[in-house]
């Protein structure tokens, strides 16, 4: 019984060190825009994204997986205007002439921008 009591702290520490939750890798999404300020987007699954924009790019970091989100991109466009690119730190990129970025930017209207500011 004594041995078990001595092993419990080590076991708990091992579980924390090797837990996938503790080591979940964050993804950063980056969007090319001239917008300055912060934008909060709510995704369909009710996840809130707080984009921080410095006049060159907007960034948001979280546990998003390796792919880009059309919903997040379109939500940002509705507040900031057209994007020049959309990428993440996992190697995914929608460049200026890509069909994916064109689809993202398709929600842009001057009306949507003036409403959100």
PDB file of N, CA and C in Angstrom:
ATOM      1  N   UNK A   1       0.821  -1.194   0.000  1.00  0.00           N
ATOM      2  CA  UNK A   1       0.000   0.000   0.000  1.00  0.00           C
ATOM      3  C   UNK A   1       0.864   1.256   0.000  1.00  0.00           C
ATOM      4  N   UNK A   2       1.959   1.205   0.723  1.00  0.00           N
ATOM      5  CA  UNK A   2       2.855   2.351   0.786  1.00  0.00           C
ATOM      6  C   UNK A   2       3.411   2.711  -0.595  1.00  0.00           C
ATOM      7  N   UNK A   3       3.721   1.707  -1.363  1.00  0.00           N
ATOM      8  CA  UNK A   3       4.292   1.940  -2.690  1.00  0.00           C
ATOM      9  C   UNK A   3       3.298   2.681  -3.565  1.00  0.00           C
ATOM     10  N   UNK A   4       2.050   2.310  -3.472  1.00  0.00           N
ATOM     11  CA  UNK A   4       1.012   2.960  -4.276  1.00  0.00           C
ATOM     12  C   UNK A   4       0.917   4.444  -3.923  1.00  0.00           C
ATOM     13  N   UNK A   5       0.968   4.773  -2.644  1.00  0.00           N
ATOM     14  CA  UNK A   5       0.897   6.176  -2.222  1.00  0.00           C
ATOM     15  C   UNK A   5       2.081   6.982  -2.748  1.00  0.00           C
ATOM     16  N   UNK A   6       3.226   6.345  -2.871  1.00  0.00           N
ATOM     17  CA  UNK A   6       4.398   7.038  -3.400  1.00  0.00           C
ATOM     18  C   UNK A   6       4.321   7.186  -4.917  1.00  0.00           C
ATOM     19  N   UNK A   7       3.626   6.304  -5.577  1.00  0.00           N
ATOM     20  CA  UNK A   7       3.529   6.347  -7.037  1.00  0.00           C
ATOM     21  C   UNK A   7       2.457   7.313  -7.538  1.00  0.00           C
ATOM     22  N   UNK A   8       1.465   7.591  -6.733  1.00  0.00           N
ATOM     23  CA  UNK A   8       0.348   8.431  -7.173  1.00  0.00           C
ATOM     24  C   UNK A   8       0.808   9.815  -7.643  1.00  0.00           C
ATOM     25  N   UNK A   9       1.643  10.545  -6.900  1.00  0.00           N
ATOM     26  CA  UNK A   9       2.075  11.851  -7.414  1.00  0.00           C
ATOM     27  C   UNK A   9       2.804  11.748  -8.754  1.00  0.00           C
ATOM     28  N   UNK A  10       3.637  10.719  -8.907  1.00  0.00           N
ATOM     29  CA  UNK A  10       4.357  10.544 -10.172  1.00  0.00           C
ATOM     30  C   UNK A  10       3.391  10.226 -11.302  1.00  0.00           C
ATOM     31  N   UNK A  11       2.395   9.410 -11.012  1.00  0.00           N
ATOM     32  CA  UNK A  11       1.404   9.054 -12.012  1.00  0.00           C
ATOM     33  C   UNK A  11       0.608  10.283 -12.456  1.00  0.00           C
ATOM     34  N   UNK A  12       0.209  11.108 -11.508  1.00  0.00           N
ATOM     35  CA  UNK A  12      -0.550  12.319 -11.840  1.00  0.00           C
ATOM     36  C   UNK A  12       0.302  13.263 -12.676  1.00  0.00           C
ATOM     37  N   UNK A  13       1.561  13.442 -12.302  1.00  0.00           N
ATOM     38  CA  UNK A  13       2.460  14.292 -13.071  1.00  0.00           C
ATOM     39  C   UNK A  13       2.637  13.767 -14.490  1.00  0.00           C
ATOM     40  N   UNK A  14       2.786  12.462 -14.635  1.00  0.00           N
ATOM     41  CA  UNK A  14       2.934  11.859 -15.967  1.00  0.00           C
ATOM     42  C   UNK A  14       1.702  12.087 -16.816  1.00  0.00           C
ATOM     43  N   UNK A  15       0.530  11.960 -16.225  1.00  0.00           N
ATOM     44  CA  UNK A  15      -0.706  12.185 -16.976  1.00  0.00           C
ATOM     45  C   UNK A  15      -0.799  13.631 -17.455  1.00  0.00           C
ATOM     46  N   UNK A  16      -0.368  14.562 -16.618  1.00  0.00           N
ATOM     47  CA  UNK A  16      -0.394  15.971 -17.021  1.00  0.00           C
ATOM     48  C   UNK A  16       0.597  16.245 -18.146  1.00  0.00           C
ATOM     49  N   UNK A  17       1.770  15.686 -18.038  1.00  0.00           N
ATOM     50  CA  UNK A  17       2.807  15.932 -19.038  1.00  0.00           C
ATOM     51  C   UNK A  17       2.419  15.364 -20.393  1.00  0.00           C
ATOM     52  N   UNK A  18       1.830  14.185 -20.409  1.00  0.00           N
ATOM     53  CA  UNK A  18       1.528  13.517 -21.671  1.00  0.00           C
ATOM     54  C   UNK A  18       0.082  13.695 -22.128  1.00  0.00           C
ATOM     55  N   UNK A  19      -0.681  14.491 -21.432  1.00  0.00           N
ATOM     56  CA  UNK A  19      -2.071  14.718 -21.796  1.00  0.00           C
ATOM     57  C   UNK A  19      -2.163  15.509 -23.095  1.00  0.00           C
ATOM     58  N   UNK A  20      -3.025  15.082 -24.037  1.00  0.00           N
ATOM     59  CA  UNK A  20      -3.188  15.836 -25.277  1.00  0.00           C
ATOM     60  C   UNK A  20      -3.793  17.213 -25.036  1.00  0.00           C
ATOM     61  N   UNK A  21      -4.546  17.381 -23.980  1.00  0.00           N
ATOM     62  CA  UNK A  21      -5.155  18.673 -23.681  1.00  0.00           C
ATOM     63  C   UNK A  21      -4.077  19.685 -23.312  1.00  0.00           C
ATOM     64  N   UNK A  22      -3.125  19.258 -22.503  1.00  0.00           N
ATOM     65  CA  UNK A  22      -2.059  20.151 -22.081  1.00  0.00           C
ATOM     66  C   UNK A  22      -1.198  20.560 -23.272  1.00  0.00           C
ATOM     67  N   UNK A  23      -0.991  19.636 -24.211  1.00  0.00           N
ATOM     68  CA  UNK A  23      -0.111  19.901 -25.338  1.00  0.00           C
ATOM     69  C   UNK A  23      -0.855  20.228 -26.631  1.00  0.00           C
ATOM     70  N   UNK A  24      -2.115  20.625 -26.520  1.00  0.00           N
ATOM     71  CA  UNK A  24      -2.864  20.988 -27.723  1.00  0.00           C
ATOM     72  C   UNK A  24      -2.145  22.148 -28.404  1.00  0.00           C
ATOM     73  N   UNK A  25      -1.897  22.001 -29.678  1.00  0.00           N
ATOM     74  CA  UNK A  25      -1.175  23.028 -30.422  1.00  0.00           C
ATOM     75  C   UNK A  25      -2.157  24.088 -30.900  1.00  0.00           C
ATOM     76  N   UNK A  26      -1.839  25.304 -30.616  1.00  0.00           N
ATOM     77  CA  UNK A  26      -2.665  26.401 -31.094  1.00  0.00           C
ATOM     78  C   UNK A  26      -2.322  26.723 -32.540  1.00  0.00           C
ATOM     79  N   UNK A  27      -3.317  27.176 -33.247  1.00  0.00           N
ATOM     80  CA  UNK A  27      -3.164  27.613 -34.622  1.00  0.00           C
ATOM     81  C   UNK A  27      -3.408  29.115 -34.654  1.00  0.00           C
ATOM     82  N   UNK A  28      -2.626  29.818 -35.444  1.00  0.00           N
ATOM     83  CA  UNK A  28      -2.850  31.246 -35.649  1.00  0.00           C
ATOM     84  C   UNK A  28      -3.336  31.453 -37.071  1.00  0.00           C
ATOM     85  N   UNK A  29      -4.490  32.113 -37.203  1.00  0.00           N
ATOM     86  CA  UNK A  29      -5.006  32.515 -38.496  1.00  0.00           C
ATOM     87  C   UNK A  29      -4.594  33.964 -38.716  1.00  0.00           C
ATOM     88  N   UNK A  30      -4.166  34.281 -39.921  1.00  0.00           N
ATOM     89  CA  UNK A  30      -3.688  35.620 -40.260  1.00  0.00           C
ATOM     90  C   UNK A  30      -4.386  36.055 -41.549  1.00  0.00           C
ATOM     91  N   UNK A  31      -4.916  37.263 -41.543  1.00  0.00           N
ATOM     92  CA  UNK A  31      -5.633  37.781 -42.708  1.00  0.00           C
ATOM     93  C   UNK A  31      -5.068  39.136 -43.094  1.00  0.00           C
ATOM     94  N   UNK A  32      -4.808  39.328 -44.384  1.00  0.00           N
ATOM     95  CA  UNK A  32      -4.264  40.587 -44.887  1.00  0.00           C
ATOM     96  C   UNK A  32      -5.348  41.624 -45.083  1.00  0.00           C
ATOM     97  N   UNK A  33      -5.325  42.671 -44.266  1.00  0.00           N
ATOM     98  CA  UNK A  33      -6.307  43.754 -44.336  1.00  0.00           C
ATOM     99  C   UNK A  33      -5.704  45.015 -43.743  1.00  0.00           C
ATOM    100  N   UNK A  34      -6.230  46.156 -44.107  1.00  0.00           N
ATOM    101  CA  UNK A  34      -5.736  47.424 -43.559  1.00  0.00           C
ATOM    102  C   UNK A  34      -6.517  47.868 -42.334  1.00  0.00           C
ATOM    103  N   UNK A  35      -7.425  47.052 -41.894  1.00  0.00           N
ATOM    104  CA  UNK A  35      -8.267  47.386 -40.749  1.00  0.00           C
ATOM    105  C   UNK A  35      -7.414  47.474 -39.478  1.00  0.00           C
ATOM    106  N   UNK A  36      -7.757  48.436 -38.611  1.00  0.00           N
ATOM    107  CA  UNK A  36      -7.101  48.574 -37.304  1.00  0.00           C
ATOM    108  C   UNK A  36      -8.152  48.460 -36.221  1.00  0.00           C
ATOM    109  N   UNK A  37      -7.848  47.664 -35.206  1.00  0.00           N
ATOM    110  CA  UNK A  37      -8.770  47.501 -34.093  1.00  0.00           C
ATOM    111  C   UNK A  37      -9.013  46.034 -33.798  1.00  0.00           C
ATOM    112  N   UNK A  38     -10.047  45.759 -33.033  1.00  0.00           N
ATOM    113  CA  UNK A  38     -10.402  44.386 -32.691  1.00  0.00           C
ATOM    114  C   UNK A  38     -11.775  44.065 -33.252  1.00  0.00           C
ATOM    115  N   UNK A  39     -11.923  42.824 -33.676  1.00  0.00           N
ATOM    116  CA  UNK A  39     -13.189  42.350 -34.245  1.00  0.00           C
ATOM    117  C   UNK A  39     -13.531  41.020 -33.593  1.00  0.00           C
ATOM    118  N   UNK A  40     -14.735  40.892 -33.091  1.00  0.00           N
ATOM    119  CA  UNK A  40     -15.195  39.616 -32.548  1.00  0.00           C
ATOM    120  C   UNK A  40     -16.166  38.984 -33.533  1.00  0.00           C
ATOM    121  N   UNK A  41     -15.873  37.756 -33.916  1.00  0.00           N
ATOM    122  CA  UNK A  41     -16.701  36.982 -34.838  1.00  0.00           C
ATOM    123  C   UNK A  41     -17.243  35.787 -34.072  1.00  0.00           C
ATOM    124  N   UNK A  42     -18.526  35.492 -34.230  1.00  0.00           N
ATOM    125  CA  UNK A  42     -19.108  34.295 -33.637  1.00  0.00           C
ATOM    126  C   UNK A  42     -19.355  33.287 -34.747  1.00  0.00           C
ATOM    127  N   UNK A  43     -18.734  32.118 -34.617  1.00  0.00           N
ATOM    128  CA  UNK A  43     -18.887  31.057 -35.614  1.00  0.00           C
ATOM    129  C   UNK A  43     -20.209  30.333 -35.409  1.00  0.00           C
ATOM    130  N   UNK A  44     -20.655  29.560 -36.394  1.00  0.00           N
ATOM    131  CA  UNK A  44     -21.920  28.823 -36.260  1.00  0.00           C
ATOM    132  C   UNK A  44     -21.979  27.911 -35.030  1.00  0.00           C
ATOM    133  N   UNK A  45     -20.829  27.399 -34.581  1.00  0.00           N
ATOM    134  CA  UNK A  45     -20.828  26.537 -33.391  1.00  0.00           C
ATOM    135  C   UNK A  45     -20.764  27.344 -32.091  1.00  0.00           C
ATOM    136  N   UNK A  46     -20.973  28.661 -32.189  1.00  0.00           N
ATOM    137  CA  UNK A  46     -20.980  29.607 -31.077  1.00  0.00           C
ATOM    138  C   UNK A  46     -19.599  29.916 -30.506  1.00  0.00           C
ATOM    139  N   UNK A  47     -18.547  29.544 -31.195  1.00  0.00           N
ATOM    140  CA  UNK A  47     -17.194  29.912 -30.795  1.00  0.00           C
ATOM    141  C   UNK A  47     -16.960  31.377 -31.139  1.00  0.00           C
ATOM    142  N   UNK A  48     -16.485  32.149 -30.167  1.00  0.00           N
ATOM    143  CA  UNK A  48     -16.142  33.546 -30.423  1.00  0.00           C
ATOM    144  C   UNK A  48     -14.667  33.658 -30.757  1.00  0.00           C
ATOM    145  N   UNK A  49     -14.378  34.390 -31.828  1.00  0.00           N
ATOM    146  CA  UNK A  49     -13.004  34.658 -32.235  1.00  0.00           C
ATOM    147  C   UNK A  49     -12.736  36.141 -32.055  1.00  0.00           C
ATOM    148  N   UNK A  50     -11.665  36.474 -31.336  1.00  0.00           N
ATOM    149  CA  UNK A  50     -11.276  37.865 -31.167  1.00  0.00           C
ATOM    150  C   UNK A  50     -10.073  38.141 -32.059  1.00  0.00           C
ATOM    151  N   UNK A  51     -10.342  38.757 -33.204  1.00  0.00           N
ATOM    152  CA  UNK A  51      -9.296  39.127 -34.148  1.00  0.00           C
ATOM    153  C   UNK A  51      -8.671  40.427 -33.681  1.00  0.00           C
ATOM    154  N   UNK A  52      -7.342  40.498 -33.703  1.00  0.00           N
ATOM    155  CA  UNK A  52      -6.615  41.725 -33.371  1.00  0.00           C
ATOM    156  C   UNK A  52      -5.929  42.204 -34.642  1.00  0.00           C
ATOM    157  N   UNK A  53      -6.267  43.420 -35.055  1.00  0.00           N
ATOM    158  CA  UNK A  53      -5.835  43.939 -36.351  1.00  0.00           C
ATOM    159  C   UNK A  53      -4.961  45.170 -36.155  1.00  0.00           C
ATOM    160  N   UNK A  54      -3.823  45.201 -36.858  1.00  0.00           N
ATOM    161  CA  UNK A  54      -2.861  46.278 -36.665  1.00  0.00           C
ATOM    162  C   UNK A  54      -2.709  47.208 -37.875  1.00  0.00           C
ATOM    163  N   UNK A  55      -3.589  47.099 -38.846  1.00  0.00           N
ATOM    164  CA  UNK A  55      -3.490  47.935 -40.037  1.00  0.00           C
ATOM    165  C   UNK A  55      -2.786  47.263 -41.201  1.00  0.00           C
ATOM    166  N   UNK A  56      -2.171  46.121 -40.940  1.00  0.00           N
ATOM    167  CA  UNK A  56      -1.522  45.313 -41.982  1.00  0.00           C
ATOM    168  C   UNK A  56      -2.145  43.925 -42.032  1.00  0.00           C
ATOM    169  N   UNK A  57      -2.333  43.328 -40.858  1.00  0.00           N
ATOM    170  CA  UNK A  57      -2.950  42.005 -40.754  1.00  0.00           C
ATOM    171  C   UNK A  57      -3.849  41.942 -39.525  1.00  0.00           C
ATOM    172  N   UNK A  58      -4.759  40.979 -39.566  1.00  0.00           N
ATOM    173  CA  UNK A  58      -5.543  40.612 -38.392  1.00  0.00           C
ATOM    174  C   UNK A  58      -5.094  39.214 -37.993  1.00  0.00           C
ATOM    175  N   UNK A  59      -5.034  38.953 -36.679  1.00  0.00           N
ATOM    176  CA  UNK A  59      -4.603  37.644 -36.175  1.00  0.00           C
ATOM    177  C   UNK A  59      -5.562  37.160 -35.091  1.00  0.00           C
ATOM    178  N   UNK A  60      -5.723  35.854 -35.063  1.00  0.00           N
ATOM    179  CA  UNK A  60      -6.450  35.205 -33.976  1.00  0.00           C
ATOM    180  C   UNK A  60      -5.779  33.854 -33.733  1.00  0.00           C
ATOM    181  N   UNK A  61      -5.649  33.471 -32.477  1.00  0.00           N
ATOM    182  CA  UNK A  61      -4.993  32.210 -32.124  1.00  0.00           C
ATOM    183  C   UNK A  61      -5.926  31.370 -31.270  1.00  0.00           C
ATOM    184  N   UNK A  62      -5.938  30.064 -31.543  1.00  0.00           N
ATOM    185  CA  UNK A  62      -6.761  29.140 -30.772  1.00  0.00           C
ATOM    186  C   UNK A  62      -6.575  27.723 -31.257  1.00  0.00           C
ATOM    187  N   UNK A  63      -7.376  26.833 -30.733  1.00  0.00           N
ATOM    188  CA  UNK A  63      -7.328  25.413 -31.116  1.00  0.00           C
ATOM    189  C   UNK A  63      -8.252  25.185 -32.297  1.00  0.00           C
ATOM    190  N   UNK A  64      -7.794  25.578 -33.485  1.00  0.00           N
ATOM    191  CA  UNK A  64      -8.621  25.534 -34.681  1.00  0.00           C
ATOM    192  C   UNK A  64      -8.333  24.351 -35.588  1.00  0.00           C
ATOM    193  N   UNK A  65      -7.319  23.567 -35.294  1.00  0.00           N
ATOM    194  CA  UNK A  65      -6.925  22.511 -36.214  1.00  0.00           C
ATOM    195  C   UNK A  65      -6.029  23.075 -37.302  1.00  0.00           C
ATOM    196  N   UNK A  66      -5.807  22.299 -38.342  1.00  0.00           N
ATOM    197  CA  UNK A  66      -4.840  22.691 -39.366  1.00  0.00           C
ATOM    198  C   UNK A  66      -5.441  23.407 -40.575  1.00  0.00           C
ATOM    199  N   UNK A  67      -6.760  23.466 -40.669  1.00  0.00           N
ATOM    200  CA  UNK A  67      -7.400  24.017 -41.861  1.00  0.00           C
ATOM    201  C   UNK A  67      -7.916  25.420 -41.617  1.00  0.00           C
ATOM    202  N   UNK A  68      -8.128  26.142 -42.680  1.00  0.00           N
ATOM    203  CA  UNK A  68      -8.713  27.468 -42.619  1.00  0.00           C
ATOM    204  C   UNK A  68     -10.233  27.353 -42.587  1.00  0.00           C
ATOM    205  N   UNK A  69     -10.883  28.335 -42.018  1.00  0.00           N
ATOM    206  CA  UNK A  69     -12.340  28.326 -41.891  1.00  0.00           C
ATOM    207  C   UNK A  69     -12.959  29.387 -42.786  1.00  0.00           C
ATOM    208  N   UNK A  70     -13.820  28.957 -43.698  1.00  0.00           N
ATOM    209  CA  UNK A  70     -14.534  29.899 -44.553  1.00  0.00           C
ATOM    210  C   UNK A  70     -15.434  30.804 -43.711  1.00  0.00           C
ATOM    211  N   UNK A  71     -16.098  30.239 -42.708  1.00  0.00           N
ATOM    212  CA  UNK A  71     -16.994  31.027 -41.857  1.00  0.00           C
ATOM    213  C   UNK A  71     -16.236  32.131 -41.125  1.00  0.00           C
ATOM    214  N   UNK A  72     -15.053  31.795 -40.594  1.00  0.00           N
ATOM    215  CA  UNK A  72     -14.253  32.804 -39.891  1.00  0.00           C
ATOM    216  C   UNK A  72     -13.781  33.879 -40.862  1.00  0.00           C
ATOM    217  N   UNK A  73     -13.375  33.474 -42.035  1.00  0.00           N
ATOM    218  CA  UNK A  73     -12.904  34.407 -43.061  1.00  0.00           C
ATOM    219  C   UNK A  73     -14.028  35.355 -43.476  1.00  0.00           C
ATOM    220  N   UNK A  74     -15.192  34.810 -43.770  1.00  0.00           N
ATOM    221  CA  UNK A  74     -16.315  35.637 -44.202  1.00  0.00           C
ATOM    222  C   UNK A  74     -16.794  36.563 -43.083  1.00  0.00           C
ATOM    223  N   UNK A  75     -16.760  36.065 -41.856  1.00  0.00           N
ATOM    224  CA  UNK A  75     -17.133  36.919 -40.731  1.00  0.00           C
ATOM    225  C   UNK A  75     -16.207  38.113 -40.602  1.00  0.00           C
ATOM    226  N   UNK A  76     -14.924  37.889 -40.824  1.00  0.00           N
ATOM    227  CA  UNK A  76     -13.957  38.977 -40.754  1.00  0.00           C
ATOM    228  C   UNK A  76     -14.177  39.974 -41.891  1.00  0.00           C
ATOM    229  N   UNK A  77     -14.401  39.482 -43.101  1.00  0.00           N
ATOM    230  CA  UNK A  77     -14.621  40.346 -44.269  1.00  0.00           C
ATOM    231  C   UNK A  77     -15.811  41.275 -44.034  1.00  0.00           C
ATOM    232  N   UNK A  78     -16.846  40.793 -43.387  1.00  0.00           N
ATOM    233  CA  UNK A  78     -18.030  41.620 -43.125  1.00  0.00           C
ATOM    234  C   UNK A  78     -17.702  42.824 -42.248  1.00  0.00           C
ATOM    235  N   UNK A  79     -16.626  42.734 -41.474  1.00  0.00           N
ATOM    236  CA  UNK A  79     -16.234  43.833 -40.583  1.00  0.00           C
ATOM    237  C   UNK A  79     -15.086  44.676 -41.123  1.00  0.00           C
ATOM    238  N   UNK A  80     -14.185  44.064 -41.875  1.00  0.00           N
ATOM    239  CA  UNK A  80     -12.947  44.754 -42.263  1.00  0.00           C
ATOM    240  C   UNK A  80     -12.871  45.127 -43.733  1.00  0.00           C
ATOM    241  N   UNK A  81     -13.670  44.489 -44.565  1.00  0.00           N
ATOM    242  CA  UNK A  81     -13.548  44.682 -46.007  1.00  0.00           C
ATOM    243  C   UNK A  81     -12.759  43.537 -46.617  1.00  0.00           C
ATOM    244  N   UNK A  82     -12.483  43.667 -47.893  1.00  0.00           N
ATOM    245  CA  UNK A  82     -11.817  42.594 -48.640  1.00  0.00           C
ATOM    246  C   UNK A  82     -10.453  42.249 -48.052  1.00  0.00           C
ATOM    247  N   UNK A  83     -10.132  40.949 -48.088  1.00  0.00           N
ATOM    248  CA  UNK A  83      -8.833  40.476 -47.607  1.00  0.00           C
ATOM    249  C   UNK A  83      -7.897  40.253 -48.786  1.00  0.00           C
ATOM    250  N   UNK A  84      -6.612  40.490 -48.568  1.00  0.00           N
ATOM    251  CA  UNK A  84      -5.587  40.251 -49.588  1.00  0.00           C
ATOM    252  C   UNK A  84      -5.086  38.813 -49.548  1.00  0.00           C
ATOM    253  N   UNK A  85      -5.141  38.187 -48.374  1.00  0.00           N
ATOM    254  CA  UNK A  85      -4.775  36.786 -48.195  1.00  0.00           C
ATOM    255  C   UNK A  85      -5.347  36.311 -46.876  1.00  0.00           C
ATOM    256  N   UNK A  86      -5.344  35.005 -46.699  1.00  0.00           N
ATOM    257  CA  UNK A  86      -5.825  34.383 -45.466  1.00  0.00           C
ATOM    258  C   UNK A  86      -4.985  33.127 -45.296  1.00  0.00           C
ATOM    259  N   UNK A  87      -4.318  32.986 -44.159  1.00  0.00           N
ATOM    260  CA  UNK A  87      -3.429  31.843 -43.971  1.00  0.00           C
ATOM    261  C   UNK A  87      -3.358  31.465 -42.509  1.00  0.00           C
ATOM    262  N   UNK A  88      -2.655  30.351 -42.254  1.00  0.00           N
ATOM    263  CA  UNK A  88      -2.397  29.965 -40.869  1.00  0.00           C
ATOM    264  C   UNK A  88      -0.945  29.534 -40.713  1.00  0.00           C
ATOM    265  N   UNK A  89      -0.548  29.286 -39.484  1.00  0.00           N
ATOM    266  CA  UNK A  89       0.832  28.887 -39.219  1.00  0.00           C
ATOM    267  C   UNK A  89       1.055  27.391 -39.430  1.00  0.00           C
ATOM    268  N   UNK A  90       0.076  26.708 -40.003  1.00  0.00           N
ATOM    269  CA  UNK A  90       0.199  25.275 -40.318  1.00  0.00           C
ATOM    270  C   UNK A  90       0.473  25.059 -41.810  1.00  0.00           C
ATOM    271  N   UNK A  91       0.649  26.146 -42.555  1.00  0.00           N
ATOM    272  CA  UNK A  91       1.001  26.031 -43.970  1.00  0.00           C
ATOM    273  C   UNK A  91      -0.151  26.198 -44.949  1.00  0.00           C
ATOM    274  N   UNK A  92      -1.358  26.422 -44.456  1.00  0.00           N
ATOM    275  CA  UNK A  92      -2.504  26.650 -45.341  1.00  0.00           C
ATOM    276  C   UNK A  92      -2.531  28.119 -45.753  1.00  0.00           C
ATOM    277  N   UNK A  93      -2.823  28.399 -47.023  1.00  0.00           N
ATOM    278  CA  UNK A  93      -2.924  29.789 -47.482  1.00  0.00           C
ATOM    279  C   UNK A  93      -3.939  29.906 -48.614  1.00  0.00           C
ATOM    280  N   UNK A  94      -4.745  30.961 -48.533  1.00  0.00           N
ATOM    281  CA  UNK A  94      -5.608  31.354 -49.624  1.00  0.00           C
ATOM    282  C   UNK A  94      -5.028  32.667 -50.144  1.00  0.00           C
ATOM    283  N   UNK A  95      -4.434  32.619 -51.316  1.00  0.00           N
ATOM    284  CA  UNK A  95      -3.779  33.797 -51.876  1.00  0.00           C
ATOM    285  C   UNK A  95      -4.800  34.679 -52.593  1.00  0.00           C
ATOM    286  N   UNK A  96      -4.350  35.842 -53.015  1.00  0.00           N
ATOM    287  CA  UNK A  96      -5.223  36.849 -53.604  1.00  0.00           C
ATOM    288  C   UNK A  96      -6.030  36.328 -54.786  1.00  0.00           C
ATOM    289  N   UNK A  97      -5.459  35.477 -55.612  1.00  0.00           N
ATOM    290  CA  UNK A  97      -6.158  34.994 -56.805  1.00  0.00           C
ATOM    291  C   UNK A  97      -6.803  33.620 -56.628  1.00  0.00           C
ATOM    292  N   UNK A  98      -6.827  33.094 -55.408  1.00  0.00           N
ATOM    293  CA  UNK A  98      -7.393  31.757 -55.201  1.00  0.00           C
ATOM    294  C   UNK A  98      -8.922  31.799 -55.193  1.00  0.00           C
ATOM    295  N   UNK A  99      -9.528  30.693 -55.591  1.00  0.00           N
ATOM    296  CA  UNK A  99     -10.995  30.612 -55.571  1.00  0.00           C
ATOM    297  C   UNK A  99     -11.527  30.634 -54.144  1.00  0.00           C
ATOM    298  N   UNK A 100     -10.749  30.097 -53.200  1.00  0.00           N
ATOM    299  CA  UNK A 100     -11.185  30.084 -51.794  1.00  0.00           C
ATOM    300  C   UNK A 100     -11.290  31.510 -51.238  1.00  0.00           C
ATOM    301  N   UNK A 101     -10.276  32.327 -51.520  1.00  0.00           N
ATOM    302  CA  UNK A 101     -10.328  33.703 -51.022  1.00  0.00           C
ATOM    303  C   UNK A 101     -11.425  34.488 -51.746  1.00  0.00           C
ATOM    304  N   UNK A 102     -11.629  34.210 -53.017  1.00  0.00           N
ATOM    305  CA  UNK A 102     -12.721  34.866 -53.751  1.00  0.00           C
ATOM    306  C   UNK A 102     -14.063  34.524 -53.110  1.00  0.00           C
ATOM    307  N   UNK A 103     -14.233  33.273 -52.703  1.00  0.00           N
ATOM    308  CA  UNK A 103     -15.464  32.866 -52.030  1.00  0.00           C
ATOM    309  C   UNK A 103     -15.602  33.582 -50.686  1.00  0.00           C
ATOM    310  N   UNK A 104     -14.511  33.693 -49.960  1.00  0.00           N
ATOM    311  CA  UNK A 104     -14.520  34.413 -48.687  1.00  0.00           C
ATOM    312  C   UNK A 104     -14.916  35.871 -48.905  1.00  0.00           C
ATOM    313  N   UNK A 105     -14.269  36.526 -49.841  1.00  0.00           N
ATOM    314  CA  UNK A 105     -14.510  37.946 -50.107  1.00  0.00           C
ATOM    315  C   UNK A 105     -15.869  38.214 -50.743  1.00  0.00           C
ATOM    316  N   UNK A 106     -16.545  37.180 -51.212  1.00  0.00           N
ATOM    317  CA  UNK A 106     -17.833  37.365 -51.897  1.00  0.00           C
ATOM    318  C   UNK A 106     -18.912  37.955 -50.986  1.00  0.00           C
ATOM    319  N   UNK A 107     -18.728  37.898 -49.662  1.00  0.00           N
ATOM    320  CA  UNK A 107     -19.734  38.450 -48.737  1.00  0.00           C
ATOM    321  C   UNK A 107     -19.562  39.951 -48.520  1.00  0.00           C
ATOM    322  N   UNK A 108     -18.509  40.525 -49.108  1.00  0.00           N
ATOM    323  CA  UNK A 108     -18.225  41.949 -48.911  1.00  0.00           C
ATOM    324  C   UNK A 108     -19.278  42.821 -49.573  1.00  0.00           C
ATOM    325  N   UNK A 109     -19.770  43.759 -48.815  1.00  0.00           N
ATOM    326  CA  UNK A 109     -20.578  44.861 -49.347  1.00  0.00           C
ATOM    327  C   UNK A 109     -20.222  46.094 -48.524  1.00  0.00           C
ATOM    328  N   UNK A 110     -20.312  47.244 -49.139  1.00  0.00           N
ATOM    329  CA  UNK A 110     -20.020  48.471 -48.391  1.00  0.00           C
ATOM    330  C   UNK A 110     -21.006  48.635 -47.239  1.00  0.00           C
ATOM    331  N   UNK A 111     -22.228  48.163 -47.437  1.00  0.00           N
ATOM    332  CA  UNK A 111     -23.247  48.243 -46.400  1.00  0.00           C
ATOM    333  C   UNK A 111     -22.846  47.454 -45.164  1.00  0.00           C
ATOM    334  N   UNK A 112     -22.300  46.233 -45.368  1.00  0.00           N
ATOM    335  CA  UNK A 112     -21.943  45.397 -44.227  1.00  0.00           C
ATOM    336  C   UNK A 112     -20.821  46.039 -43.425  1.00  0.00           C
ATOM    337  N   UNK A 113     -19.911  46.734 -44.086  1.00  0.00           N
ATOM    338  CA  UNK A 113     -18.803  47.394 -43.403  1.00  0.00           C
ATOM    339  C   UNK A 113     -19.320  48.557 -42.561  1.00  0.00           C
ATOM    340  N   UNK A 114     -20.162  49.393 -43.123  1.00  0.00           N
ATOM    341  CA  UNK A 114     -20.629  50.563 -42.389  1.00  0.00           C
ATOM    342  C   UNK A 114     -21.504  50.162 -41.194  1.00  0.00           C
ATOM    343  N   UNK A 115     -22.223  49.057 -41.293  1.00  0.00           N
ATOM    344  CA  UNK A 115     -23.063  48.593 -40.176  1.00  0.00           C
ATOM    345  C   UNK A 115     -22.209  48.121 -39.009  1.00  0.00           C
ATOM    346  N   UNK A 116     -21.082  47.463 -39.312  1.00  0.00           N
ATOM    347  CA  UNK A 116     -20.325  46.817 -38.252  1.00  0.00           C
ATOM    348  C   UNK A 116     -19.374  47.758 -37.529  1.00  0.00           C
ATOM    349  N   UNK A 117     -19.137  48.928 -38.048  1.00  0.00           N
ATOM    350  CA  UNK A 117     -18.181  49.847 -37.404  1.00  0.00           C
ATOM    351  C   UNK A 117     -18.843  50.748 -36.413  1.00  0.00           C
TER     352      UNK A 117
END
